[in-house]
N, C-alpha and C. Protein backbone atom coordinates (compact mmCIF):
# COMPACT_ATOMS: atom_id res chain seq x y z
N MET A 1 0.89 -1.10 0.03
CA MET A 1 -0.05 -0.02 -0.02
C MET A 1 0.85 1.18 0.00
N CYS A 2 0.32 2.28 -0.60
CA CYS A 2 1.07 3.58 -0.77
C CYS A 2 1.31 4.15 0.84
N ASP A 3 2.47 4.48 1.09
CA ASP A 3 2.72 5.10 2.41
C ASP A 3 1.97 6.38 2.71
N ALA A 4 1.86 7.30 1.62
CA ALA A 4 1.23 8.60 1.85
C ALA A 4 -0.31 8.25 1.91
N CYS A 5 -0.88 7.30 1.06
CA CYS A 5 -2.29 7.11 1.26
C CYS A 5 -2.59 6.33 2.72
N ARG A 6 -1.73 5.46 3.10
CA ARG A 6 -1.81 4.84 4.35
C ARG A 6 -1.85 5.86 5.50
N ALA A 7 -1.02 6.94 5.34
CA ALA A 7 -0.89 7.92 6.45
C ALA A 7 -2.11 8.78 6.48
N LYS A 8 -2.86 9.00 5.30
CA LYS A 8 -4.06 9.75 5.20
C LYS A 8 -5.33 8.82 5.50
N GLY A 9 -5.11 7.53 5.57
CA GLY A 9 -6.30 6.60 5.78
C GLY A 9 -7.09 6.38 4.51
N GLU A 10 -6.46 6.54 3.38
CA GLU A 10 -7.17 6.32 2.06
C GLU A 10 -6.76 5.08 1.42
N ASN A 11 -7.50 4.46 0.54
CA ASN A 11 -7.27 3.32 -0.25
C ASN A 11 -6.69 3.74 -1.54
N TYR A 12 -5.41 3.42 -1.81
CA TYR A 12 -4.76 3.91 -3.07
C TYR A 12 -5.23 3.29 -4.32
N ILE A 13 -5.96 2.09 -4.22
CA ILE A 13 -6.57 1.47 -5.40
C ILE A 13 -7.75 2.31 -5.92
N PHE A 14 -8.51 2.94 -5.10
CA PHE A 14 -9.57 3.85 -5.49
C PHE A 14 -9.09 5.12 -6.13
N ARG A 15 -7.93 5.54 -5.78
CA ARG A 15 -7.43 6.86 -6.35
C ARG A 15 -6.68 6.54 -7.59
N ASN A 16 -6.25 5.39 -7.89
CA ASN A 16 -5.36 4.89 -9.10
C ASN A 16 -6.23 3.83 -9.73
N ARG A 17 -6.33 3.67 -10.98
CA ARG A 17 -6.91 2.68 -11.70
C ARG A 17 -5.97 1.44 -11.61
N ASP A 18 -4.66 1.64 -11.78
CA ASP A 18 -3.75 0.54 -11.65
C ASP A 18 -3.20 0.37 -10.29
N SER A 19 -2.72 -0.68 -9.97
CA SER A 19 -2.13 -0.95 -8.54
C SER A 19 -0.66 -0.92 -8.46
N SER A 20 -0.16 -0.24 -9.44
CA SER A 20 1.43 -0.11 -9.42
C SER A 20 2.00 0.82 -8.32
N LEU A 21 2.93 0.39 -7.52
CA LEU A 21 3.57 1.03 -6.58
C LEU A 21 4.98 1.35 -6.89
N TYR A 22 5.67 2.52 -6.45
CA TYR A 22 6.85 2.93 -6.91
C TYR A 22 7.68 3.12 -5.59
N SER A 23 8.92 2.63 -5.66
CA SER A 23 9.87 2.86 -4.46
C SER A 23 10.62 4.13 -4.67
N ASN A 24 10.66 4.91 -3.63
CA ASN A 24 11.34 6.23 -3.71
C ASN A 24 12.25 6.43 -2.52
N LYS A 25 13.25 7.24 -2.65
CA LYS A 25 14.17 7.46 -1.53
C LYS A 25 14.05 9.05 -1.25
N LEU A 26 13.79 9.40 0.10
CA LEU A 26 13.93 10.72 0.56
C LEU A 26 15.21 11.03 1.30
N TYR A 27 15.91 11.87 0.76
CA TYR A 27 17.32 12.14 1.26
C TYR A 27 17.30 13.20 2.43
N GLN A 28 16.44 14.01 2.56
CA GLN A 28 16.47 15.16 3.31
C GLN A 28 15.78 14.92 4.72
N VAL A 29 15.28 13.71 4.85
CA VAL A 29 14.45 13.40 6.27
C VAL A 29 15.31 13.13 7.31
N TYR A 30 16.29 12.26 7.17
CA TYR A 30 17.13 11.92 8.29
C TYR A 30 18.60 12.54 8.06
N ARG A 31 19.20 12.76 9.13
CA ARG A 31 20.54 13.54 9.05
C ARG A 31 21.55 12.55 8.46
N GLU A 32 21.62 11.28 8.96
CA GLU A 32 22.64 10.36 8.40
C GLU A 32 22.05 9.16 7.64
N GLY A 33 20.85 9.10 7.10
CA GLY A 33 20.25 8.09 6.42
C GLY A 33 19.37 8.50 5.34
N VAL A 34 18.69 7.56 4.79
CA VAL A 34 17.78 7.74 3.69
C VAL A 34 16.47 7.04 4.09
N ALA A 35 15.32 7.81 3.80
CA ALA A 35 14.09 7.26 4.07
C ALA A 35 13.45 6.54 2.77
N LYS A 36 13.14 5.33 2.84
CA LYS A 36 12.60 4.68 1.56
C LYS A 36 11.10 4.57 1.82
N VAL A 37 10.39 5.16 0.88
CA VAL A 37 8.99 5.06 0.89
C VAL A 37 8.45 4.49 -0.41
N VAL A 38 7.16 3.86 -0.23
CA VAL A 38 6.40 3.29 -1.42
C VAL A 38 5.29 4.12 -1.71
N LEU A 39 5.13 4.64 -2.98
CA LEU A 39 4.14 5.50 -3.32
C LEU A 39 3.31 5.08 -4.50
N CYS A 40 2.10 5.51 -4.52
CA CYS A 40 1.26 5.17 -5.72
C CYS A 40 1.62 6.12 -6.82
N LYS A 41 1.06 5.89 -8.00
CA LYS A 41 1.47 6.79 -9.11
C LYS A 41 1.04 8.27 -8.88
N ILE A 42 0.00 8.54 -8.21
CA ILE A 42 -0.37 9.96 -8.13
C ILE A 42 0.55 10.59 -7.26
N HIS A 43 0.99 10.01 -6.08
CA HIS A 43 1.91 10.61 -5.07
C HIS A 43 3.38 10.46 -5.56
N ASP A 44 3.67 9.51 -6.44
CA ASP A 44 5.06 9.48 -7.03
C ASP A 44 5.22 10.63 -8.01
N ILE A 45 4.11 10.95 -8.84
CA ILE A 45 4.22 12.12 -9.62
C ILE A 45 4.18 13.43 -8.89
N GLU A 46 3.49 13.48 -7.73
CA GLU A 46 3.46 14.73 -7.03
C GLU A 46 4.79 14.94 -6.31
N LEU A 47 5.47 13.86 -5.88
CA LEU A 47 6.80 13.97 -5.40
C LEU A 47 7.77 14.53 -6.40
N PHE A 48 7.76 14.07 -7.67
CA PHE A 48 8.58 14.35 -8.75
C PHE A 48 8.47 15.90 -8.99
N ARG A 49 7.09 16.28 -9.09
CA ARG A 49 6.78 17.65 -9.61
C ARG A 49 7.01 18.74 -8.52
N SER A 50 6.71 18.39 -7.24
CA SER A 50 6.84 19.50 -6.23
C SER A 50 8.19 19.38 -5.54
N GLY A 51 8.93 18.26 -5.57
CA GLY A 51 10.20 18.23 -4.74
C GLY A 51 9.86 17.68 -3.37
N GLU A 52 11.04 17.13 -2.73
CA GLU A 52 10.95 16.57 -1.55
C GLU A 52 10.28 17.38 -0.32
N PHE A 53 10.73 18.52 -0.21
CA PHE A 53 10.30 19.45 0.80
C PHE A 53 8.93 19.90 0.78
N ARG A 54 8.49 20.28 -0.45
CA ARG A 54 7.10 20.69 -0.57
C ARG A 54 6.15 19.37 -0.54
N PHE A 55 6.70 18.26 -0.90
CA PHE A 55 5.82 17.08 -0.94
C PHE A 55 5.56 16.70 0.66
N LEU A 56 6.58 16.78 1.37
CA LEU A 56 6.34 16.55 2.83
C LEU A 56 5.62 17.62 3.53
N GLU A 57 5.80 18.79 3.04
CA GLU A 57 4.93 19.81 3.69
C GLU A 57 3.40 19.68 3.26
N LYS A 58 3.16 19.20 2.08
CA LYS A 58 1.73 18.97 1.66
C LYS A 58 1.25 17.75 2.36
N ASN A 59 2.02 16.66 2.68
CA ASN A 59 1.62 15.39 3.15
C ASN A 59 2.15 15.36 4.65
N LEU A 60 1.60 16.21 5.50
CA LEU A 60 2.14 16.09 6.91
C LEU A 60 1.89 14.94 7.64
N ASP A 61 0.88 14.19 7.30
CA ASP A 61 0.57 12.89 7.88
C ASP A 61 1.73 11.92 7.65
N LEU A 62 2.19 11.89 6.47
CA LEU A 62 3.27 11.01 6.00
C LEU A 62 4.59 11.51 6.87
N ALA A 63 4.85 12.82 6.82
CA ALA A 63 5.96 13.23 7.57
C ALA A 63 6.02 12.95 9.04
N SER A 64 4.92 13.03 9.71
CA SER A 64 4.87 12.65 11.00
C SER A 64 4.95 11.11 11.24
N THR A 65 4.42 10.32 10.27
CA THR A 65 4.68 8.82 10.43
C THR A 65 6.10 8.53 10.19
N ILE A 66 6.78 9.11 9.30
CA ILE A 66 8.11 8.83 9.12
C ILE A 66 8.94 9.28 10.33
N ALA A 67 8.63 10.38 10.93
CA ALA A 67 9.43 10.87 11.96
C ALA A 67 9.13 9.97 13.29
N SER A 68 7.94 9.47 13.46
CA SER A 68 7.64 8.62 14.67
C SER A 68 8.13 7.07 14.40
N SER A 69 8.09 6.73 13.23
CA SER A 69 8.53 5.30 13.09
C SER A 69 9.64 5.24 12.14
N ASN A 70 10.79 5.63 12.56
CA ASN A 70 11.94 5.69 11.61
C ASN A 70 12.63 4.30 11.32
N ARG A 71 12.22 3.34 12.27
CA ARG A 71 12.81 2.00 11.93
C ARG A 71 12.07 1.40 10.68
N HIS A 72 10.86 1.59 10.39
CA HIS A 72 10.19 1.21 9.24
C HIS A 72 10.68 1.83 7.90
N PHE A 73 11.04 3.12 7.98
CA PHE A 73 11.38 3.92 6.69
C PHE A 73 12.94 3.98 6.66
N SER A 74 13.74 3.89 7.54
CA SER A 74 15.06 4.32 7.25
C SER A 74 15.88 2.95 6.91
N TYR A 75 16.93 3.30 6.22
CA TYR A 75 17.89 2.09 5.89
C TYR A 75 19.20 2.80 5.45
N GLY A 76 20.31 2.09 5.60
CA GLY A 76 21.62 2.43 5.33
C GLY A 76 21.73 3.42 4.32
């Protein structure tokens, strides 16, 4: 499931006709690591168009989820 849709409590299949998920890396979230998120097509395009900082500003639910559960999102 899309991490941004899960943080908002939405079902990503209803927003997207296909169920494709895309792996993305957020480099500005952690000081010494990278946050790996899985996004649906709509949120993937939104991240590409707006950039990492504005994407997280717009999706504060996802940002707070990443901050509170860094073990799920971070990796070397």
